[in-house]
Structure formats: structure tokens, C-alpha cells
């Protein structure tokens, strides 16, 4: 299965940054989901782990946290739903990778020009 990479518009903002232009209501909704997902310390750590590798198996993520597999799955689903990561099932394992366009959008939004 091939990952579907969203366009920059689908991933987040179309603006140049908070300091230079307003954020549309539609972009604000998308961006707020991303920031909310990253606002949890566990999800922030998971996103950082996933971003540090081309892809990461859930079997490599789980041991890093003292959480149940259901809680791990919930956090990963939240990151997926926010558009920050994507995943693919291969046999009994699920592999995750970061969505660079989403991180680029967040970075551009926060950049001071």
C-alpha cells in the first residue's frame, strides 16, 4: 500500500505565518487539530520518535511508554487523525511515518519572517 501524501492545503495552512498574515477559519480548524494532538506530552514524544526514522513499527513505539496497548493505539490514532503521521498495516504490525508536509506547515506558520 502506498501512502497518500496530502497537498499543503490539505495538510494545513495556506498562509505565510502568524506574524505576516491572518489564518482563515478553515486553516485554523486544521492547524488546531495538529497543535492539540502535539499538546499531549505522550503524543509529542511519539511524533518525535516517528519523525526521527523513515518509518517506525508500533512494536518499537510501545516499549518506550508505560501505557497499555489500547492507550498507545489511541494516541497514534489521534496523531493520524490530525494529519501528522500516516500508517500501513503489514501482517500483524502497523508501521508509522511522519507527514513532512504537516510539519512544514506548522513550521511555516510559526516562523518569524
N, C-alpha and C. Protein backbone atom coordinates (compact mmCIF):
# COMPACT_ATOMS: atom_id res chain seq x y z
N UNK A 1 0.84 -1.18 0.00
CA UNK A 1 0.00 0.00 0.00
C UNK A 1 0.89 1.23 0.00
N UNK A 2 0.59 2.19 -0.84
CA UNK A 2 1.36 3.42 -0.95
C UNK A 2 0.69 4.51 -0.13
N UNK A 3 1.50 5.28 0.58
CA UNK A 3 0.97 6.38 1.39
C UNK A 3 0.44 7.47 0.49
N UNK A 4 -0.68 8.04 0.86
CA UNK A 4 -1.23 9.17 0.15
C UNK A 4 -0.75 10.42 0.86
N UNK A 5 -0.01 11.24 0.15
CA UNK A 5 0.55 12.45 0.73
C UNK A 5 -0.40 13.60 0.43
N UNK A 6 -0.92 14.26 1.48
CA UNK A 6 -1.85 15.36 1.22
C UNK A 6 -1.14 16.58 0.67
N UNK A 7 -1.88 17.39 -0.04
CA UNK A 7 -1.31 18.64 -0.52
C UNK A 7 -1.05 19.56 0.66
N UNK A 8 -0.28 20.61 0.44
CA UNK A 8 -0.01 21.56 1.52
C UNK A 8 -1.32 22.14 2.04
N UNK A 9 -2.26 22.37 1.16
CA UNK A 9 -3.56 22.91 1.58
C UNK A 9 -4.29 21.93 2.48
N UNK A 10 -4.28 20.64 2.11
CA UNK A 10 -4.95 19.64 2.92
C UNK A 10 -4.23 19.43 4.24
N UNK A 11 -2.92 19.59 4.26
CA UNK A 11 -2.14 19.38 5.47
C UNK A 11 -2.32 20.51 6.46
N UNK A 12 -2.63 21.71 6.00
CA UNK A 12 -2.73 22.80 6.95
C UNK A 12 -2.91 24.14 6.30
N UNK A 13 -2.15 25.10 6.77
CA UNK A 13 -2.35 26.49 6.40
C UNK A 13 -1.89 26.81 4.99
N UNK A 14 -2.50 27.82 4.44
CA UNK A 14 -2.08 28.33 3.15
C UNK A 14 -1.43 29.69 3.31
N UNK A 15 -1.31 30.14 4.55
CA UNK A 15 -0.76 31.46 4.81
C UNK A 15 0.75 31.40 5.00
N UNK A 16 1.33 32.49 5.20
CA UNK A 16 2.79 32.60 5.30
C UNK A 16 3.28 32.61 6.74
N UNK A 17 2.46 32.79 7.69
CA UNK A 17 2.88 32.79 9.08
C UNK A 17 2.00 33.70 9.91
N UNK A 18 1.96 33.42 11.19
CA UNK A 18 1.12 34.21 12.08
C UNK A 18 1.52 35.68 12.09
N UNK A 19 2.81 35.95 11.96
CA UNK A 19 3.29 37.32 12.04
C UNK A 19 3.06 38.11 10.77
N UNK A 20 2.70 37.44 9.67
CA UNK A 20 2.61 38.16 8.40
C UNK A 20 1.23 38.14 7.76
N UNK A 21 0.37 37.22 8.13
CA UNK A 21 -0.94 37.18 7.50
C UNK A 21 -1.94 36.47 8.40
N UNK A 22 -3.22 36.79 8.24
CA UNK A 22 -4.25 36.13 9.05
C UNK A 22 -4.44 34.67 8.63
N UNK A 23 -4.98 33.89 9.53
CA UNK A 23 -5.27 32.48 9.27
C UNK A 23 -6.77 32.37 9.00
N UNK A 24 -7.12 31.68 7.92
CA UNK A 24 -8.54 31.51 7.60
C UNK A 24 -9.19 30.60 8.64
N UNK A 25 -10.48 30.63 8.71
CA UNK A 25 -11.21 29.78 9.64
C UNK A 25 -10.96 28.30 9.33
N UNK A 26 -10.94 27.97 8.04
CA UNK A 26 -10.70 26.58 7.62
C UNK A 26 -9.30 26.12 8.03
N UNK A 27 -8.30 26.96 7.77
CA UNK A 27 -6.93 26.62 8.15
C UNK A 27 -6.80 26.52 9.67
N UNK A 28 -7.45 27.40 10.37
CA UNK A 28 -7.39 27.38 11.84
C UNK A 28 -7.92 26.06 12.40
N UNK A 29 -8.97 25.54 11.80
CA UNK A 29 -9.52 24.25 12.25
C UNK A 29 -8.50 23.13 12.09
N UNK A 30 -7.87 23.06 10.90
CA UNK A 30 -6.86 22.02 10.64
C UNK A 30 -5.66 22.16 11.56
N UNK A 31 -5.17 23.39 11.67
CA UNK A 31 -3.99 23.64 12.49
C UNK A 31 -4.25 23.36 13.96
N UNK A 32 -5.43 23.73 14.44
CA UNK A 32 -5.77 23.49 15.84
C UNK A 32 -5.75 21.99 16.15
N UNK A 33 -6.22 21.15 15.23
CA UNK A 33 -6.17 19.69 15.44
C UNK A 33 -4.73 19.21 15.57
N UNK A 34 -3.85 19.76 14.74
CA UNK A 34 -2.44 19.37 14.81
C UNK A 34 -1.82 19.81 16.13
N UNK A 35 -2.04 21.07 16.49
CA UNK A 35 -1.47 21.57 17.74
C UNK A 35 -2.06 20.84 18.95
N UNK A 36 -3.35 20.55 18.91
CA UNK A 36 -3.97 19.82 20.02
C UNK A 36 -3.35 18.43 20.15
N UNK A 37 -3.14 17.76 19.03
CA UNK A 37 -2.52 16.43 19.05
C UNK A 37 -1.12 16.50 19.65
N UNK A 38 -0.36 17.51 19.28
CA UNK A 38 1.01 17.64 19.78
C UNK A 38 1.05 18.24 21.19
N UNK A 39 -0.08 18.72 21.68
CA UNK A 39 -0.15 19.32 23.01
C UNK A 39 -0.10 18.31 24.14
N UNK A 40 -0.23 17.04 23.83
CA UNK A 40 -0.13 15.99 24.84
C UNK A 40 1.33 15.50 24.87
N UNK A 41 1.95 15.42 26.05
CA UNK A 41 3.35 15.01 26.12
C UNK A 41 3.65 13.64 25.52
N UNK A 42 2.75 12.69 25.69
CA UNK A 42 2.96 11.35 25.12
C UNK A 42 2.94 11.43 23.60
N UNK A 43 1.95 12.12 23.05
CA UNK A 43 1.86 12.23 21.58
C UNK A 43 3.02 13.03 21.01
N UNK A 44 3.47 14.03 21.71
CA UNK A 44 4.63 14.81 21.26
C UNK A 44 5.86 13.91 21.20
N UNK A 45 6.06 13.09 22.22
CA UNK A 45 7.19 12.15 22.22
C UNK A 45 7.05 11.12 21.10
N UNK A 46 5.84 10.61 20.90
CA UNK A 46 5.61 9.64 19.82
C UNK A 46 5.91 10.26 18.46
N UNK A 47 5.42 11.47 18.23
CA UNK A 47 5.66 12.15 16.96
C UNK A 47 7.15 12.35 16.74
N UNK A 48 7.87 12.71 17.79
CA UNK A 48 9.32 12.91 17.66
C UNK A 48 10.02 11.60 17.34
N UNK A 49 9.60 10.52 17.99
CA UNK A 49 10.18 9.20 17.70
C UNK A 49 9.95 8.82 16.24
N UNK A 50 8.73 9.01 15.78
CA UNK A 50 8.37 8.64 14.41
C UNK A 50 9.11 9.53 13.41
N UNK A 51 9.23 10.81 13.71
CA UNK A 51 9.89 11.75 12.79
C UNK A 51 11.38 11.45 12.67
N UNK A 52 11.96 10.84 13.68
CA UNK A 52 13.41 10.57 13.67
C UNK A 52 13.79 9.38 12.79
N UNK A 53 12.80 8.64 12.29
CA UNK A 53 13.05 7.45 11.47
C UNK A 53 12.24 7.56 10.17
N UNK A 54 12.69 6.89 9.12
CA UNK A 54 11.87 6.87 7.89
C UNK A 54 10.49 6.26 8.16
N UNK A 55 10.45 5.22 8.99
CA UNK A 55 9.20 4.62 9.45
C UNK A 55 9.51 3.87 10.73
N UNK A 56 8.47 3.68 11.53
CA UNK A 56 8.66 3.04 12.83
C UNK A 56 7.50 2.09 13.09
N UNK A 57 7.83 0.87 13.49
CA UNK A 57 6.82 -0.13 13.82
C UNK A 57 6.22 0.18 15.18
N UNK A 58 4.94 -0.09 15.32
CA UNK A 58 4.30 0.09 16.62
C UNK A 58 5.01 -0.74 17.69
N UNK A 59 5.62 -1.84 17.29
CA UNK A 59 6.35 -2.68 18.23
C UNK A 59 7.61 -1.99 18.76
N UNK A 60 8.07 -0.95 18.07
CA UNK A 60 9.21 -0.16 18.53
C UNK A 60 8.77 1.05 19.35
N UNK A 61 7.54 1.46 19.17
CA UNK A 61 6.99 2.61 19.91
C UNK A 61 6.52 2.18 21.30
N UNK A 62 5.80 1.09 21.36
CA UNK A 62 5.16 0.64 22.60
C UNK A 62 6.12 0.52 23.79
N UNK A 63 7.30 -0.09 23.65
CA UNK A 63 8.18 -0.24 24.82
C UNK A 63 8.69 1.08 25.42
N UNK A 64 8.60 2.16 24.67
CA UNK A 64 9.09 3.45 25.16
C UNK A 64 8.13 4.10 26.16
N UNK A 65 6.94 3.52 26.30
CA UNK A 65 5.92 4.12 27.15
C UNK A 65 5.35 3.09 28.12
N UNK A 66 5.07 3.53 29.32
CA UNK A 66 4.45 2.67 30.33
C UNK A 66 2.93 2.81 30.23
N UNK A 67 2.40 2.41 29.08
CA UNK A 67 0.98 2.54 28.78
C UNK A 67 0.46 1.26 28.17
N UNK A 68 -0.84 1.05 28.28
CA UNK A 68 -1.45 -0.14 27.67
C UNK A 68 -1.43 0.00 26.15
N UNK A 69 -1.55 -1.13 25.47
CA UNK A 69 -1.56 -1.09 24.00
C UNK A 69 -2.76 -0.30 23.48
N UNK A 70 -3.88 -0.35 24.20
CA UNK A 70 -5.05 0.43 23.80
C UNK A 70 -4.80 1.93 23.87
N UNK A 71 -4.09 2.36 24.91
CA UNK A 71 -3.77 3.78 25.05
C UNK A 71 -2.77 4.22 23.99
N UNK A 72 -1.80 3.37 23.70
CA UNK A 72 -0.84 3.65 22.62
C UNK A 72 -1.59 3.82 21.31
N UNK A 73 -2.50 2.90 21.02
CA UNK A 73 -3.29 2.96 19.78
C UNK A 73 -4.11 4.24 19.72
N UNK A 74 -4.69 4.63 20.83
CA UNK A 74 -5.49 5.86 20.88
C UNK A 74 -4.63 7.07 20.52
N UNK A 75 -3.44 7.16 21.11
CA UNK A 75 -2.55 8.29 20.84
C UNK A 75 -2.10 8.30 19.37
N UNK A 76 -1.78 7.15 18.83
CA UNK A 76 -1.37 7.07 17.43
C UNK A 76 -2.52 7.43 16.49
N UNK A 77 -3.72 7.03 16.83
CA UNK A 77 -4.90 7.39 16.03
C UNK A 77 -5.11 8.91 16.05
N UNK A 78 -4.91 9.51 17.21
CA UNK A 78 -5.05 10.96 17.31
C UNK A 78 -4.04 11.67 16.41
N UNK A 79 -2.80 11.18 16.40
CA UNK A 79 -1.78 11.76 15.52
C UNK A 79 -2.15 11.57 14.04
N UNK A 80 -2.69 10.39 13.71
CA UNK A 80 -3.14 10.13 12.33
C UNK A 80 -4.30 11.05 11.94
N UNK A 81 -5.29 11.13 12.83
CA UNK A 81 -6.47 11.96 12.55
C UNK A 81 -6.11 13.43 12.37
N UNK A 82 -5.05 13.87 13.04
CA UNK A 82 -4.60 15.25 12.93
C UNK A 82 -3.77 15.48 11.67
N UNK A 83 -3.43 14.40 10.96
CA UNK A 83 -2.66 14.51 9.73
C UNK A 83 -1.15 14.61 9.95
N UNK A 84 -0.70 14.29 11.15
CA UNK A 84 0.73 14.39 11.47
C UNK A 84 1.50 13.14 11.09
N UNK A 85 0.86 11.99 11.16
CA UNK A 85 1.50 10.73 10.78
C UNK A 85 0.56 9.95 9.88
N UNK A 86 1.12 8.98 9.19
CA UNK A 86 0.32 8.05 8.42
C UNK A 86 0.81 6.66 8.77
N UNK A 87 0.07 5.65 8.37
CA UNK A 87 0.44 4.29 8.77
C UNK A 87 0.01 3.28 7.72
N UNK A 88 0.57 2.08 7.88
CA UNK A 88 0.24 0.97 6.99
C UNK A 88 0.39 -0.33 7.79
N UNK A 89 -0.60 -1.19 7.68
CA UNK A 89 -0.53 -2.50 8.32
C UNK A 89 0.24 -3.45 7.42
N UNK A 90 1.20 -4.15 8.03
CA UNK A 90 1.96 -5.18 7.32
C UNK A 90 1.95 -6.41 8.21
N UNK A 91 1.13 -7.36 7.85
CA UNK A 91 0.99 -8.55 8.68
C UNK A 91 0.34 -8.17 10.01
N UNK A 92 1.01 -8.51 11.09
CA UNK A 92 0.43 -8.22 12.41
C UNK A 92 0.88 -6.88 12.96
N UNK A 93 1.77 -6.18 12.28
CA UNK A 93 2.30 -4.91 12.78
C UNK A 93 1.83 -3.74 11.93
N UNK A 94 1.80 -2.58 12.56
CA UNK A 94 1.48 -1.34 11.87
C UNK A 94 2.74 -0.47 11.90
N UNK A 95 3.07 0.09 10.75
CA UNK A 95 4.24 0.96 10.61
C UNK A 95 3.77 2.40 10.43
N UNK A 96 4.47 3.31 11.07
CA UNK A 96 4.10 4.73 11.06
C UNK A 96 5.23 5.55 10.46
N UNK A 97 4.86 6.64 9.80
CA UNK A 97 5.83 7.60 9.31
C UNK A 97 5.22 8.99 9.46
N UNK A 98 6.12 9.96 9.57
CA UNK A 98 5.67 11.34 9.76
C UNK A 98 5.21 11.91 8.43
N UNK A 99 4.30 12.84 8.47
CA UNK A 99 3.85 13.56 7.28
C UNK A 99 4.66 14.86 7.23
N UNK A 100 5.72 14.91 6.43
CA UNK A 100 6.58 16.10 6.42
C UNK A 100 5.85 17.38 6.02
N UNK A 101 4.83 17.26 5.18
CA UNK A 101 4.08 18.44 4.78
C UNK A 101 3.37 19.08 5.97
N UNK A 102 2.86 18.25 6.86
CA UNK A 102 2.18 18.78 8.05
C UNK A 102 3.17 19.51 8.95
N UNK A 103 4.35 18.91 9.16
CA UNK A 103 5.35 19.57 9.99
C UNK A 103 5.84 20.86 9.32
N UNK A 104 5.96 20.83 8.00
CA UNK A 104 6.37 22.03 7.27
C UNK A 104 5.35 23.14 7.41
N UNK A 105 4.09 22.78 7.38
CA UNK A 105 3.03 23.77 7.54
C UNK A 105 3.09 24.40 8.92
N UNK A 106 3.25 23.58 9.95
CA UNK A 106 3.34 24.11 11.31
C UNK A 106 4.57 25.01 11.46
N UNK A 107 5.66 24.57 10.89
CA UNK A 107 6.91 25.34 10.95
C UNK A 107 6.74 26.69 10.25
N UNK A 108 6.15 26.69 9.06
CA UNK A 108 5.94 27.93 8.31
C UNK A 108 5.03 28.88 9.06
N UNK A 109 4.02 28.32 9.71
CA UNK A 109 3.08 29.15 10.46
C UNK A 109 3.78 29.84 11.61
N UNK A 110 4.70 29.14 12.27
CA UNK A 110 5.35 29.70 13.45
C UNK A 110 6.61 30.49 13.15
N UNK A 111 7.08 30.42 11.91
CA UNK A 111 8.30 31.13 11.54
C UNK A 111 8.09 32.64 11.59
N UNK A 112 9.10 33.32 12.06
CA UNK A 112 9.07 34.79 12.08
C UNK A 112 9.83 35.25 10.84
N UNK A 113 9.14 35.97 10.00
CA UNK A 113 9.75 36.40 8.72
C UNK A 113 10.29 37.80 8.86
